Amino acid sequence: MRKRFVIAIMLLSSLIVAGCSSSSDSGSTYTVKRGDTLYAISRSTGTSVRDLARLNNISPPYTIEVGQKLKLNSGSGTTAKAGASGKKSSTKRTAAVTPSSAVPQSSWPPVGQRCWRWPTSGKVVLPYSTSDGGNKGIDIAGKRGQPVYAAG
C-alpha cells in the first residue's frame, strides 16, 4: 500500500512539473531557407508580404538571406506557422489594436501613371526580334549576383 502511494505521488509530481514547462518556440519567427522568397513565406504563414516587409524592416527589392530570422507578427492578432507538412496551423490571440496616426507614403507612382525602367545595368547583347523563331525579349549582359528588377 505504501509503495503504491509513493508511486502515485511521484507520478503526480512529474505531471505537475511537466505542466509548468514552456515551449521556447512561440511560432512568431520564421528562419529563411534556400529558395525562399518573401512572397512564398507570406503565403505559407498567412501573413501579407507588406506586413512581413514592414515588421522586418525589409525594403524593395525585398532581399532576404538564408538563415535570416523573420518576425511573423507584432505580438497581437493571428499567428500562423508553416508546419513540417507545409500546411498552416494557427493560434488566435486577441489584443487591443491602436491605429497609427500617420500612413507611410509609398515610393511607387500613383495608380494609372506608368513608368518603366531597365531591369538591370549592362549592354544589350541580343535585341528583340519579330522574325519567326527570333528572340522575343532582349538579352542583357551582366555579372553573377547582379540585381535584376521588374521592368515596370
N, C-alpha and C. Protein backbone atom coordinates (compact mmCIF):
# COMPACT_ATOMS: atom_id res chain seq x y z
N MET A 1 0.83 -1.19 0.00
CA MET A 1 0.00 0.00 0.00
C MET A 1 0.88 1.26 0.00
N ARG A 2 1.90 1.27 0.84
CA ARG A 2 2.79 2.42 0.92
C ARG A 2 3.54 2.62 -0.39
N LYS A 3 3.92 1.52 -1.05
CA LYS A 3 4.65 1.59 -2.31
C LYS A 3 3.77 2.24 -3.39
N ARG A 4 2.49 1.90 -3.45
CA ARG A 4 1.56 2.49 -4.41
C ARG A 4 1.40 3.99 -4.15
N PHE A 5 1.35 4.36 -2.89
CA PHE A 5 1.20 5.76 -2.52
C PHE A 5 2.41 6.57 -2.99
N VAL A 6 3.61 6.04 -2.79
CA VAL A 6 4.84 6.72 -3.20
C VAL A 6 4.87 6.85 -4.73
N ILE A 7 4.50 5.79 -5.43
CA ILE A 7 4.47 5.83 -6.90
C ILE A 7 3.46 6.86 -7.39
N ALA A 8 2.30 6.91 -6.77
CA ALA A 8 1.26 7.87 -7.15
C ALA A 8 1.74 9.30 -6.92
N ILE A 9 2.42 9.56 -5.81
CA ILE A 9 2.95 10.90 -5.51
C ILE A 9 4.01 11.28 -6.54
N MET A 10 4.90 10.35 -6.88
CA MET A 10 5.95 10.63 -7.86
C MET A 10 5.35 10.92 -9.24
N LEU A 11 4.35 10.14 -9.63
CA LEU A 11 3.68 10.36 -10.91
C LEU A 11 2.99 11.72 -10.94
N LEU A 12 2.28 12.04 -9.88
CA LEU A 12 1.59 13.32 -9.78
C LEU A 12 2.59 14.48 -9.82
N SER A 13 3.71 14.34 -9.12
CA SER A 13 4.74 15.38 -9.11
C SER A 13 5.33 15.59 -10.50
N SER A 14 5.59 14.50 -11.22
CA SER A 14 6.17 14.64 -12.56
C SER A 14 5.18 15.29 -13.52
N LEU A 15 3.89 15.01 -13.38
CA LEU A 15 2.88 15.65 -14.22
C LEU A 15 2.79 17.15 -13.93
N ILE A 16 2.87 17.51 -12.67
CA ILE A 16 2.83 18.93 -12.30
C ILE A 16 4.04 19.67 -12.86
N VAL A 17 5.22 19.09 -12.74
CA VAL A 17 6.44 19.71 -13.25
C VAL A 17 6.38 19.81 -14.78
N ALA A 18 5.88 18.79 -15.45
CA ALA A 18 5.78 18.82 -16.91
C ALA A 18 4.81 19.91 -17.36
N GLY A 19 3.76 20.13 -16.61
CA GLY A 19 2.79 21.17 -16.95
C GLY A 19 3.33 22.57 -16.77
N CYS A 20 4.36 22.72 -15.97
CA CYS A 20 4.95 24.04 -15.72
C CYS A 20 5.95 24.46 -16.80
N SER A 21 6.40 23.52 -17.62
CA SER A 21 7.39 23.88 -18.63
C SER A 21 6.73 24.66 -19.74
N SER A 22 7.53 25.49 -20.41
CA SER A 22 7.00 26.28 -21.52
C SER A 22 7.80 25.98 -22.77
N SER A 23 7.18 26.14 -23.90
CA SER A 23 7.83 25.91 -25.18
C SER A 23 8.65 27.15 -25.54
N SER A 24 9.86 26.93 -26.05
CA SER A 24 10.69 28.06 -26.45
C SER A 24 10.32 28.57 -27.84
N ASP A 25 9.55 27.78 -28.61
CA ASP A 25 9.15 28.20 -29.95
C ASP A 25 7.74 28.75 -29.90
N SER A 26 7.61 30.06 -29.96
CA SER A 26 6.30 30.69 -29.88
C SER A 26 5.61 30.73 -31.24
N GLY A 27 6.32 30.36 -32.30
CA GLY A 27 5.72 30.39 -33.63
C GLY A 27 5.68 31.78 -34.23
N SER A 28 6.38 32.74 -33.63
CA SER A 28 6.31 34.11 -34.13
C SER A 28 7.50 34.48 -35.01
N THR A 29 8.38 33.52 -35.31
CA THR A 29 9.50 33.79 -36.21
C THR A 29 9.59 32.68 -37.25
N TYR A 30 10.27 32.99 -38.34
CA TYR A 30 10.49 32.03 -39.42
C TYR A 30 11.95 32.16 -39.84
N THR A 31 12.65 31.03 -39.98
CA THR A 31 14.03 31.05 -40.44
C THR A 31 14.05 30.80 -41.94
N VAL A 32 14.65 31.71 -42.70
CA VAL A 32 14.68 31.64 -44.15
C VAL A 32 15.55 30.46 -44.60
N LYS A 33 14.99 29.67 -45.54
CA LYS A 33 15.71 28.53 -46.11
C LYS A 33 16.05 28.84 -47.57
N ARG A 34 16.98 28.08 -48.13
CA ARG A 34 17.39 28.27 -49.52
C ARG A 34 16.16 28.15 -50.43
N GLY A 35 16.02 29.08 -51.35
CA GLY A 35 14.92 29.07 -52.30
C GLY A 35 13.69 29.83 -51.83
N ASP A 36 13.67 30.26 -50.56
CA ASP A 36 12.53 31.01 -50.04
C ASP A 36 12.47 32.40 -50.65
N THR A 37 11.27 32.90 -50.81
CA THR A 37 11.05 34.30 -51.19
C THR A 37 10.11 34.89 -50.16
N LEU A 38 10.10 36.20 -50.05
CA LEU A 38 9.21 36.85 -49.10
C LEU A 38 7.76 36.51 -49.43
N TYR A 39 7.45 36.45 -50.72
CA TYR A 39 6.09 36.12 -51.15
C TYR A 39 5.71 34.70 -50.73
N ALA A 40 6.59 33.73 -50.96
CA ALA A 40 6.30 32.34 -50.59
C ALA A 40 6.14 32.19 -49.08
N ILE A 41 6.98 32.88 -48.32
CA ILE A 41 6.87 32.82 -46.85
C ILE A 41 5.55 33.43 -46.41
N SER A 42 5.16 34.53 -47.03
CA SER A 42 3.89 35.17 -46.65
C SER A 42 2.72 34.25 -46.95
N ARG A 43 2.76 33.54 -48.06
CA ARG A 43 1.67 32.62 -48.41
C ARG A 43 1.60 31.45 -47.43
N SER A 44 2.76 30.89 -47.06
CA SER A 44 2.75 29.71 -46.19
C SER A 44 2.45 30.05 -44.73
N THR A 45 2.66 31.29 -44.34
CA THR A 45 2.40 31.67 -42.94
C THR A 45 1.12 32.45 -42.75
N GLY A 46 0.47 32.82 -43.86
CA GLY A 46 -0.78 33.56 -43.75
C GLY A 46 -0.59 35.03 -43.39
N THR A 47 0.59 35.55 -43.65
CA THR A 47 0.91 36.96 -43.37
C THR A 47 1.10 37.66 -44.70
N SER A 48 0.66 38.90 -44.82
CA SER A 48 0.83 39.60 -46.10
C SER A 48 2.30 39.98 -46.31
N VAL A 49 2.68 40.07 -47.58
CA VAL A 49 4.05 40.46 -47.93
C VAL A 49 4.36 41.83 -47.34
N ARG A 50 3.40 42.74 -47.45
CA ARG A 50 3.59 44.10 -46.94
C ARG A 50 3.86 44.08 -45.43
N ASP A 51 3.08 43.27 -44.67
CA ASP A 51 3.29 43.18 -43.22
C ASP A 51 4.64 42.56 -42.89
N LEU A 52 5.02 41.49 -43.61
CA LEU A 52 6.33 40.86 -43.37
C LEU A 52 7.46 41.86 -43.61
N ALA A 53 7.39 42.59 -44.70
CA ALA A 53 8.43 43.57 -45.02
C ALA A 53 8.49 44.65 -43.96
N ARG A 54 7.33 45.15 -43.53
CA ARG A 54 7.29 46.22 -42.53
C ARG A 54 7.83 45.73 -41.19
N LEU A 55 7.39 44.55 -40.74
CA LEU A 55 7.82 44.02 -39.44
C LEU A 55 9.32 43.76 -39.38
N ASN A 56 9.91 43.45 -40.54
CA ASN A 56 11.32 43.07 -40.56
C ASN A 56 12.22 44.13 -41.21
N ASN A 57 11.68 45.34 -41.41
CA ASN A 57 12.44 46.45 -41.99
C ASN A 57 13.12 46.05 -43.30
N ILE A 58 12.36 45.37 -44.17
CA ILE A 58 12.87 44.96 -45.47
C ILE A 58 12.29 45.90 -46.52
N SER A 59 13.17 46.54 -47.28
CA SER A 59 12.70 47.48 -48.30
C SER A 59 12.95 46.88 -49.69
N PRO A 60 12.30 47.45 -50.71
CA PRO A 60 12.49 46.94 -52.07
C PRO A 60 13.97 46.89 -52.39
N PRO A 61 14.44 45.88 -53.04
CA PRO A 61 13.76 44.81 -53.75
C PRO A 61 13.44 43.58 -52.88
N TYR A 62 13.26 43.76 -51.57
CA TYR A 62 12.84 42.70 -50.64
C TYR A 62 13.78 41.50 -50.65
N THR A 63 15.08 41.76 -50.51
CA THR A 63 16.08 40.71 -50.48
C THR A 63 16.15 40.10 -49.09
N ILE A 64 16.10 38.76 -49.03
CA ILE A 64 16.25 38.04 -47.76
C ILE A 64 17.40 37.05 -47.91
N GLU A 65 18.00 36.67 -46.80
CA GLU A 65 19.17 35.79 -46.80
C GLU A 65 18.85 34.48 -46.11
N VAL A 66 19.49 33.39 -46.56
CA VAL A 66 19.34 32.09 -45.91
C VAL A 66 19.80 32.21 -44.46
N GLY A 67 18.99 31.69 -43.53
CA GLY A 67 19.31 31.75 -42.11
C GLY A 67 18.74 32.96 -41.40
N GLN A 68 18.27 33.94 -42.17
CA GLN A 68 17.69 35.15 -41.57
C GLN A 68 16.41 34.78 -40.83
N LYS A 69 16.22 35.34 -39.64
CA LYS A 69 15.01 35.11 -38.86
C LYS A 69 14.04 36.25 -39.12
N LEU A 70 12.83 35.90 -39.56
CA LEU A 70 11.81 36.90 -39.85
C LEU A 70 10.73 36.86 -38.79
N LYS A 71 10.33 38.04 -38.31
CA LYS A 71 9.18 38.14 -37.40
C LYS A 71 7.93 37.94 -38.24
N LEU A 72 6.97 37.15 -37.71
CA LEU A 72 5.74 36.91 -38.45
C LEU A 72 4.59 37.75 -37.95
N ASN A 73 4.70 38.27 -36.73
CA ASN A 73 3.63 39.15 -36.22
C ASN A 73 4.24 40.11 -35.22
N SER A 74 3.46 41.10 -34.85
CA SER A 74 3.95 42.12 -33.92
C SER A 74 3.54 41.83 -32.49
N GLY A 75 3.08 40.61 -32.21
CA GLY A 75 2.71 40.24 -30.85
C GLY A 75 1.23 40.27 -30.59
N SER A 76 0.42 40.62 -31.59
CA SER A 76 -1.03 40.59 -31.41
C SER A 76 -1.67 40.09 -32.68
N GLY A 77 -2.92 39.69 -32.59
CA GLY A 77 -3.65 39.21 -33.75
C GLY A 77 -3.46 37.73 -33.95
N THR A 78 -3.48 37.28 -35.19
CA THR A 78 -3.39 35.86 -35.51
C THR A 78 -1.98 35.51 -35.93
N THR A 79 -1.47 34.42 -35.39
CA THR A 79 -0.16 33.93 -35.77
C THR A 79 -0.35 32.65 -36.53
N ALA A 80 0.28 32.53 -37.68
CA ALA A 80 0.21 31.30 -38.45
C ALA A 80 1.63 30.85 -38.74
N LYS A 81 1.87 29.53 -38.65
CA LYS A 81 3.20 29.00 -38.85
C LYS A 81 3.11 27.79 -39.76
N ALA A 82 4.01 27.69 -40.72
CA ALA A 82 4.03 26.52 -41.59
C ALA A 82 4.60 25.36 -40.81
N GLY A 83 3.91 24.24 -40.82
CA GLY A 83 4.37 23.05 -40.12
C GLY A 83 5.28 22.23 -41.00
N ALA A 84 5.66 21.04 -40.52
CA ALA A 84 6.54 20.18 -41.28
C ALA A 84 5.90 19.75 -42.60
N SER A 85 4.57 19.65 -42.61
CA SER A 85 3.88 19.23 -43.82
C SER A 85 3.65 20.39 -44.77
N GLY A 86 3.97 21.62 -44.35
CA GLY A 86 3.76 22.79 -45.18
C GLY A 86 2.36 23.35 -45.06
N LYS A 87 1.52 22.73 -44.24
CA LYS A 87 0.16 23.23 -44.04
C LYS A 87 0.16 24.23 -42.91
N LYS A 88 -0.82 25.13 -42.95
CA LYS A 88 -0.90 26.18 -41.94
C LYS A 88 -1.57 25.67 -40.68
N SER A 89 -1.05 26.09 -39.54
CA SER A 89 -1.73 25.90 -38.27
C SER A 89 -1.75 27.27 -37.63
N SER A 90 -2.83 27.63 -36.99
CA SER A 90 -2.90 28.99 -36.46
C SER A 90 -3.32 29.00 -35.01
N THR A 91 -2.83 30.01 -34.32
CA THR A 91 -3.18 30.26 -32.94
C THR A 91 -3.72 31.67 -32.90
N LYS A 92 -4.92 31.84 -32.38
CA LYS A 92 -5.52 33.17 -32.37
C LYS A 92 -5.35 33.80 -31.00
N ARG A 93 -4.82 35.03 -31.00
CA ARG A 93 -4.69 35.81 -29.78
C ARG A 93 -5.42 37.12 -30.02
N THR A 94 -6.06 37.62 -28.99
CA THR A 94 -6.74 38.90 -29.14
C THR A 94 -6.05 39.95 -28.28
N ALA A 95 -5.96 41.14 -28.81
CA ALA A 95 -5.36 42.25 -28.09
C ALA A 95 -5.92 43.54 -28.67
N ALA A 96 -5.84 44.59 -27.90
CA ALA A 96 -6.32 45.89 -28.36
C ALA A 96 -5.42 46.39 -29.48
N VAL A 97 -6.01 46.94 -30.52
CA VAL A 97 -5.26 47.46 -31.65
C VAL A 97 -5.34 48.98 -31.63
N THR A 98 -4.17 49.62 -31.68
CA THR A 98 -4.12 51.07 -31.71
C THR A 98 -3.72 51.49 -33.12
N PRO A 99 -4.62 52.17 -33.85
CA PRO A 99 -4.26 52.58 -35.21
C PRO A 99 -3.18 53.65 -35.18
N SER A 100 -2.29 53.59 -36.17
CA SER A 100 -1.24 54.61 -36.22
C SER A 100 -1.83 55.88 -36.81
N SER A 101 -1.28 57.01 -36.41
CA SER A 101 -1.82 58.29 -36.85
C SER A 101 -1.34 58.68 -38.25
N ALA A 102 -0.17 58.21 -38.64
CA ALA A 102 0.36 58.58 -39.95
C ALA A 102 0.48 57.35 -40.83
N VAL A 103 0.06 57.48 -42.07
CA VAL A 103 0.19 56.40 -43.04
C VAL A 103 1.45 56.67 -43.84
N PRO A 104 2.39 55.69 -43.91
CA PRO A 104 3.62 55.93 -44.65
C PRO A 104 3.33 56.12 -46.14
N GLN A 105 4.04 57.07 -46.75
CA GLN A 105 3.86 57.35 -48.17
C GLN A 105 4.62 56.31 -48.99
N SER A 106 4.01 55.87 -50.06
CA SER A 106 4.61 54.88 -50.94
C SER A 106 5.59 55.55 -51.89
N SER A 107 6.67 54.82 -52.23
CA SER A 107 7.62 55.35 -53.20
C SER A 107 7.20 54.99 -54.62
N TRP A 108 6.12 54.23 -54.75
CA TRP A 108 5.62 53.83 -56.06
C TRP A 108 4.83 54.97 -56.67
N PRO A 109 4.79 55.04 -58.01
CA PRO A 109 3.99 56.09 -58.65
C PRO A 109 2.51 55.82 -58.44
N PRO A 110 1.67 56.85 -58.54
CA PRO A 110 0.24 56.66 -58.36
C PRO A 110 -0.33 55.67 -59.38
N VAL A 111 -1.41 55.00 -59.00
CA VAL A 111 -2.05 54.03 -59.89
C VAL A 111 -2.47 54.74 -61.17
N GLY A 112 -2.24 54.10 -62.30
CA GLY A 112 -2.60 54.68 -63.58
C GLY A 112 -1.46 55.44 -64.23
N GLN A 113 -0.48 55.85 -63.45
CA GLN A 113 0.68 56.55 -64.01
C GLN A 113 1.73 55.48 -64.33
N ARG A 114 2.08 55.36 -65.58
CA ARG A 114 3.00 54.31 -66.00
C ARG A 114 4.45 54.80 -65.91
N CYS A 115 5.30 53.88 -65.50
CA CYS A 115 6.73 54.18 -65.53
C CYS A 115 7.44 52.90 -65.96
N TRP A 116 8.60 53.04 -66.53
CA TRP A 116 9.36 51.89 -66.99
C TRP A 116 10.81 52.16 -66.71
N ARG A 117 11.53 51.13 -66.34
CA ARG A 117 12.96 51.29 -66.13
C ARG A 117 13.65 50.02 -66.60
N TRP A 118 14.93 50.13 -66.86
CA TRP A 118 15.72 48.97 -67.25
C TRP A 118 15.78 48.01 -66.08
N PRO A 119 15.68 46.71 -66.34
CA PRO A 119 15.70 45.74 -65.24
C PRO A 119 17.06 45.60 -64.58
N THR A 120 18.12 45.95 -65.28
CA THR A 120 19.46 45.86 -64.72
C THR A 120 20.41 46.69 -65.59
N SER A 121 21.60 46.91 -65.10
CA SER A 121 22.57 47.65 -65.91
C SER A 121 23.36 46.65 -66.75
N GLY A 122 23.75 47.05 -67.92
CA GLY A 122 24.52 46.17 -68.80
C GLY A 122 24.22 46.46 -70.26
N LYS A 123 25.01 45.88 -71.13
CA LYS A 123 24.89 46.07 -72.57
C LYS A 123 23.88 45.07 -73.14
N VAL A 124 23.04 45.54 -74.08
CA VAL A 124 22.11 44.63 -74.77
C VAL A 124 22.94 43.79 -75.73
N VAL A 125 22.98 42.47 -75.51
CA VAL A 125 23.78 41.60 -76.35
C VAL A 125 22.95 40.90 -77.41
N LEU A 126 21.63 40.83 -77.24
CA LEU A 126 20.75 40.26 -78.25
C LEU A 126 19.43 41.01 -78.21
N PRO A 127 19.10 41.76 -79.28
CA PRO A 127 17.89 42.58 -79.26
C PRO A 127 16.63 41.76 -79.53
N TYR A 128 15.49 42.40 -79.39
CA TYR A 128 14.19 41.82 -79.69
C TYR A 128 14.09 41.55 -81.19
N SER A 129 13.41 40.46 -81.57
CA SER A 129 13.26 40.13 -82.98
C SER A 129 11.81 39.79 -83.28
N THR A 130 11.30 40.28 -84.41
CA THR A 130 9.93 39.97 -84.82
C THR A 130 9.86 38.76 -85.73
N SER A 131 11.00 38.22 -86.16
CA SER A 131 11.01 37.09 -87.08
C SER A 131 10.59 35.80 -86.36
N ASP A 132 10.10 34.83 -87.16
CA ASP A 132 9.73 33.53 -86.59
C ASP A 132 10.96 32.88 -85.97
N GLY A 133 10.82 32.40 -84.75
CA GLY A 133 11.93 31.77 -84.05
C GLY A 133 12.94 32.76 -83.52
N GLY A 134 12.66 34.05 -83.67
CA GLY A 134 13.58 35.08 -83.20
C GLY A 134 13.45 35.30 -81.70
N ASN A 135 14.31 36.14 -81.16
CA ASN A 135 14.33 36.46 -79.74
C ASN A 135 13.13 37.34 -79.39
N LYS A 136 12.26 36.88 -78.51
CA LYS A 136 11.05 37.63 -78.15
C LYS A 136 11.26 38.45 -76.88
N GLY A 137 12.47 38.75 -76.58
CA GLY A 137 12.84 39.61 -75.47
C GLY A 137 14.19 40.22 -75.79
N ILE A 138 14.82 40.80 -74.82
CA ILE A 138 16.18 41.30 -75.03
C ILE A 138 17.09 40.58 -74.04
N ASP A 139 18.32 40.35 -74.44
CA ASP A 139 19.31 39.75 -73.56
C ASP A 139 20.29 40.84 -73.15
N ILE A 140 20.50 40.97 -71.84
CA ILE A 140 21.38 42.00 -71.30
C ILE A 140 22.54 41.30 -70.58
N ALA A 141 23.77 41.70 -70.91
CA ALA A 141 24.94 41.13 -70.25
C ALA A 141 24.99 41.63 -68.81
N GLY A 142 25.45 40.76 -67.92
CA GLY A 142 25.56 41.15 -66.52
C GLY A 142 26.54 40.25 -65.79
N LYS A 143 26.68 40.49 -64.51
CA LYS A 143 27.58 39.69 -63.67
C LYS A 143 26.75 38.82 -62.74
N ARG A 144 27.29 37.67 -62.35
CA ARG A 144 26.61 36.77 -61.42
C ARG A 144 26.35 37.52 -60.11
N GLY A 145 25.09 37.43 -59.63
CA GLY A 145 24.72 38.08 -58.39
C GLY A 145 24.24 39.51 -58.56
N GLN A 146 24.33 40.03 -59.77
CA GLN A 146 23.88 41.40 -60.04
C GLN A 146 22.37 41.47 -59.87
N PRO A 147 21.84 42.51 -59.21
CA PRO A 147 20.39 42.59 -59.03
C PRO A 147 19.66 42.81 -60.35
N VAL A 148 18.51 42.14 -60.50
CA VAL A 148 17.65 42.30 -61.66
C VAL A 148 16.27 42.64 -61.12
N TYR A 149 15.70 43.74 -61.59
CA TYR A 149 14.41 44.24 -61.10
C TYR A 149 13.32 44.05 -62.13
N ALA A 150 12.07 44.07 -61.68
CA ALA A 150 10.94 44.06 -62.60
C ALA A 150 11.01 45.34 -63.43
N ALA A 151 10.72 45.22 -64.71
CA ALA A 151 10.91 46.35 -65.61
C ALA A 151 9.82 47.40 -65.53
N GLY A 152 8.68 47.11 -64.99
CA GLY A 152 7.66 48.14 -64.98
C GLY A 152 6.53 47.88 -64.07
